[in-house]
């Protein structure tokens, strides 16, 4: 009996881990925050303009540049960037790091996409992303289409973030 209970417990844990971080369609879609920030090069980025210029925008949040989970999340999207670009997706990463930290992270990992240095937390607050005890953004991901948030992953994935985004795009089309 103990063996059966242990096996069932392990199966439930594996199932909950496998589905951790999976997002869902937002129904009804709502206006994406039209907020401004600066990128890893210190240049101003107006998200409303980004939404208008791209069929889809993925905005993903992570706690801290150059940390293991955040690197896995970013590298997942980096490695899938060619496929995502073919689907009309523009990727933007956001953390409360400094411009310098974002630049080092982007250059070190060869990220082909924009990282926003949201030191003041304006983008985090506009998207209503929770902050951890240290004031850093929690891991989350959003897909915006036509200026509307159409998909949200409130837990944020790490190494599977790109797979989840690709699956969501198939569902959204």
Protein backbone atom coordinates (compact mmCIF):
# COMPACT_ATOMS: atom_id res chain seq x y z
CA UNK A 1 0.00 0.00 0.00
CA UNK A 2 2.83 2.41 0.84
CA UNK A 3 4.45 1.64 -2.49
CA UNK A 4 1.21 2.42 -4.34
CA UNK A 5 0.77 5.67 -2.41
CA UNK A 6 4.37 6.69 -3.18
CA UNK A 7 3.91 5.92 -6.87
CA UNK A 8 0.68 7.96 -7.02
CA UNK A 9 2.32 10.86 -5.19
CA UNK A 10 5.24 10.87 -7.60
CA UNK A 11 2.89 10.73 -10.58
CA UNK A 12 0.91 13.71 -9.28
CA UNK A 13 4.08 15.70 -8.66
CA UNK A 14 5.37 14.93 -12.15
CA UNK A 15 2.05 15.96 -13.68
CA UNK A 16 1.87 19.24 -11.76
CA UNK A 17 5.49 20.03 -12.64
CA UNK A 18 4.91 19.23 -16.32
CA UNK A 19 2.04 21.70 -16.48
CA UNK A 20 3.56 24.37 -14.24
CA UNK A 21 3.81 27.68 -16.00
CA UNK A 22 1.38 26.95 -18.80
CA UNK A 23 -0.59 29.96 -19.82
CA UNK A 24 -4.05 30.37 -21.24
CA UNK A 25 -6.04 32.53 -23.62
CA UNK A 26 -7.31 35.73 -22.10
CA UNK A 27 -11.05 36.03 -22.53
CA UNK A 28 -12.00 38.70 -23.19
CA UNK A 29 -8.72 40.19 -24.39
CA UNK A 30 -7.86 43.51 -22.77
CA UNK A 31 -5.79 46.55 -23.77
CA UNK A 32 -2.07 45.94 -23.42
CA UNK A 33 -0.30 48.53 -21.31
CA UNK A 34 1.01 51.38 -23.45
CA UNK A 35 4.00 52.23 -21.30
CA UNK A 36 7.48 53.51 -22.09
CA UNK A 37 10.84 52.26 -20.85
CA UNK A 38 14.46 52.05 -21.97
CA UNK A 39 16.19 49.12 -23.62
CA UNK A 40 19.60 47.56 -22.98
CA UNK A 41 21.20 50.33 -25.04
CA UNK A 42 19.48 53.12 -23.10
CA UNK A 43 17.11 53.93 -25.97
CA UNK A 44 13.48 54.80 -25.31
CA UNK A 45 10.93 52.11 -26.21
CA UNK A 46 7.23 52.91 -26.46
CA UNK A 47 5.34 49.61 -26.21
CA UNK A 48 2.28 51.06 -27.98
CA UNK A 49 4.47 51.64 -31.04
CA UNK A 50 5.84 48.10 -30.81
CA UNK A 51 2.29 46.67 -30.71
CA UNK A 52 1.32 48.66 -33.82
CA UNK A 53 4.41 47.55 -35.77
CA UNK A 54 4.16 43.79 -35.11
CA UNK A 55 1.40 41.19 -35.55
CA UNK A 56 2.35 39.61 -32.19
CA UNK A 57 4.45 40.85 -29.30
CA UNK A 58 5.69 38.54 -26.54
CA UNK A 59 6.48 40.44 -23.37
CA UNK A 60 8.14 38.22 -20.81
CA UNK A 61 9.18 39.15 -17.30
CA UNK A 62 12.02 37.67 -15.27
CA UNK A 63 13.50 38.50 -11.86
CA UNK A 64 17.20 39.09 -12.55
CA UNK A 65 19.55 39.10 -15.51
CA UNK A 66 22.29 36.48 -15.65
CA UNK A 67 20.73 34.12 -13.12
CA UNK A 68 20.16 30.44 -13.98
CA UNK A 69 16.36 30.39 -14.45
CA UNK A 70 16.26 33.75 -16.21
CA UNK A 71 19.05 32.67 -18.55
CA UNK A 72 17.18 29.45 -19.40
CA UNK A 73 14.00 31.41 -20.11
CA UNK A 74 15.77 33.96 -22.33
CA UNK A 75 17.83 31.31 -24.15
CA UNK A 76 14.66 29.34 -24.88
CA UNK A 77 13.24 32.38 -26.66
CA UNK A 78 16.59 33.17 -28.29
CA UNK A 79 16.87 29.66 -29.72
CA UNK A 80 13.33 29.87 -31.12
CA UNK A 81 13.67 33.44 -32.37
CA UNK A 82 13.87 32.51 -36.07
CA UNK A 83 10.66 30.46 -35.82
CA UNK A 84 8.91 33.15 -33.80
CA UNK A 85 9.98 35.86 -36.21
CA UNK A 86 8.48 33.87 -39.11
CA UNK A 87 5.19 33.92 -37.17
CA UNK A 88 5.37 37.72 -36.89
CA UNK A 89 6.45 37.74 -33.24
CA UNK A 90 8.56 40.46 -31.64
CA UNK A 91 10.03 39.38 -28.27
CA UNK A 92 10.70 41.80 -25.43
CA UNK A 93 12.15 40.79 -22.06
CA UNK A 94 11.62 42.90 -18.94
CA UNK A 95 13.29 42.95 -15.54
CA UNK A 96 14.01 45.59 -12.92
CA UNK A 97 17.73 45.41 -13.70
CA UNK A 98 19.81 48.41 -14.79
CA UNK A 99 20.56 49.26 -18.40
CA UNK A 100 24.14 48.04 -17.83
CA UNK A 101 23.00 44.67 -16.42
CA UNK A 102 20.56 44.19 -19.32
CA UNK A 103 23.26 45.08 -21.85
CA UNK A 104 25.70 42.58 -20.32
CA UNK A 105 22.97 39.91 -20.26
CA UNK A 106 21.84 40.55 -23.86
CA UNK A 107 25.39 40.62 -25.21
CA UNK A 108 26.59 37.64 -23.18
CA UNK A 109 23.69 35.43 -24.27
CA UNK A 110 23.52 36.87 -27.79
CA UNK A 111 19.85 37.73 -27.43
CA UNK A 112 18.46 39.00 -30.76
CA UNK A 113 15.61 40.79 -29.00
CA UNK A 114 15.05 43.81 -26.80
CA UNK A 115 15.48 43.74 -23.03
CA UNK A 116 13.84 46.55 -21.08
CA UNK A 117 15.61 47.94 -18.03
CA UNK A 118 12.59 48.66 -15.85
CA UNK A 119 14.51 49.86 -12.80
CA UNK A 120 11.56 51.95 -11.56
CA UNK A 121 9.07 49.12 -12.16
CA UNK A 122 6.75 51.11 -14.45
CA UNK A 123 6.36 48.28 -16.97
CA UNK A 124 6.05 45.67 -14.20
CA UNK A 125 3.32 47.73 -12.53
CA UNK A 126 1.51 48.48 -15.81
CA UNK A 127 1.28 44.74 -16.58
CA UNK A 128 0.29 44.06 -12.94
CA UNK A 129 3.18 41.62 -12.56
CA UNK A 130 3.77 40.70 -8.95
CA UNK A 131 7.09 41.52 -7.35
CA UNK A 132 9.01 39.22 -5.06
CA UNK A 133 10.23 40.19 -1.59
CA UNK A 134 13.30 41.88 -3.14
CA UNK A 135 11.13 44.05 -5.41
CA UNK A 136 12.00 42.10 -8.56
CA UNK A 137 9.45 41.04 -11.17
CA UNK A 138 8.14 37.51 -10.95
CA UNK A 139 8.43 35.28 -14.01
CA UNK A 140 5.42 35.84 -16.32
CA UNK A 141 4.73 35.98 -20.05
CA UNK A 142 2.14 37.77 -22.19
CA UNK A 143 1.21 37.63 -25.88
CA UNK A 144 -0.20 40.81 -27.38
CA UNK A 145 -2.05 40.88 -30.71
CA UNK A 146 -3.42 44.10 -32.15
CA UNK A 147 -2.71 45.98 -28.93
CA UNK A 148 -4.66 43.47 -26.82
CA UNK A 149 -3.37 40.94 -24.31
CA UNK A 150 -4.66 37.64 -25.73
CA UNK A 151 -2.59 35.10 -23.72
CA UNK A 152 -1.02 35.14 -20.28
CA UNK A 153 1.25 32.75 -18.43
CA UNK A 154 1.07 33.88 -14.79
CA UNK A 155 3.79 31.51 -13.60
CA UNK A 156 6.26 31.92 -16.45
CA UNK A 157 8.24 29.01 -17.77
CA UNK A 158 11.99 28.70 -17.83
CA UNK A 159 13.53 26.47 -20.49
CA UNK A 160 10.10 25.73 -22.02
CA UNK A 161 8.97 29.36 -22.46
CA UNK A 162 9.39 29.30 -26.26
CA UNK A 163 7.51 25.99 -26.58
CA UNK A 164 4.62 27.42 -24.60
CA UNK A 165 4.56 30.57 -26.73
CA UNK A 166 4.58 28.50 -29.94
CA UNK A 167 1.72 26.33 -28.65
CA UNK A 168 -0.24 29.44 -27.68
CA UNK A 169 0.29 30.97 -31.14
CA UNK A 170 -1.16 27.84 -32.78
CA UNK A 171 -4.17 28.06 -30.50
CA UNK A 172 -4.62 31.78 -31.18
CA UNK A 173 -4.64 31.48 -34.98
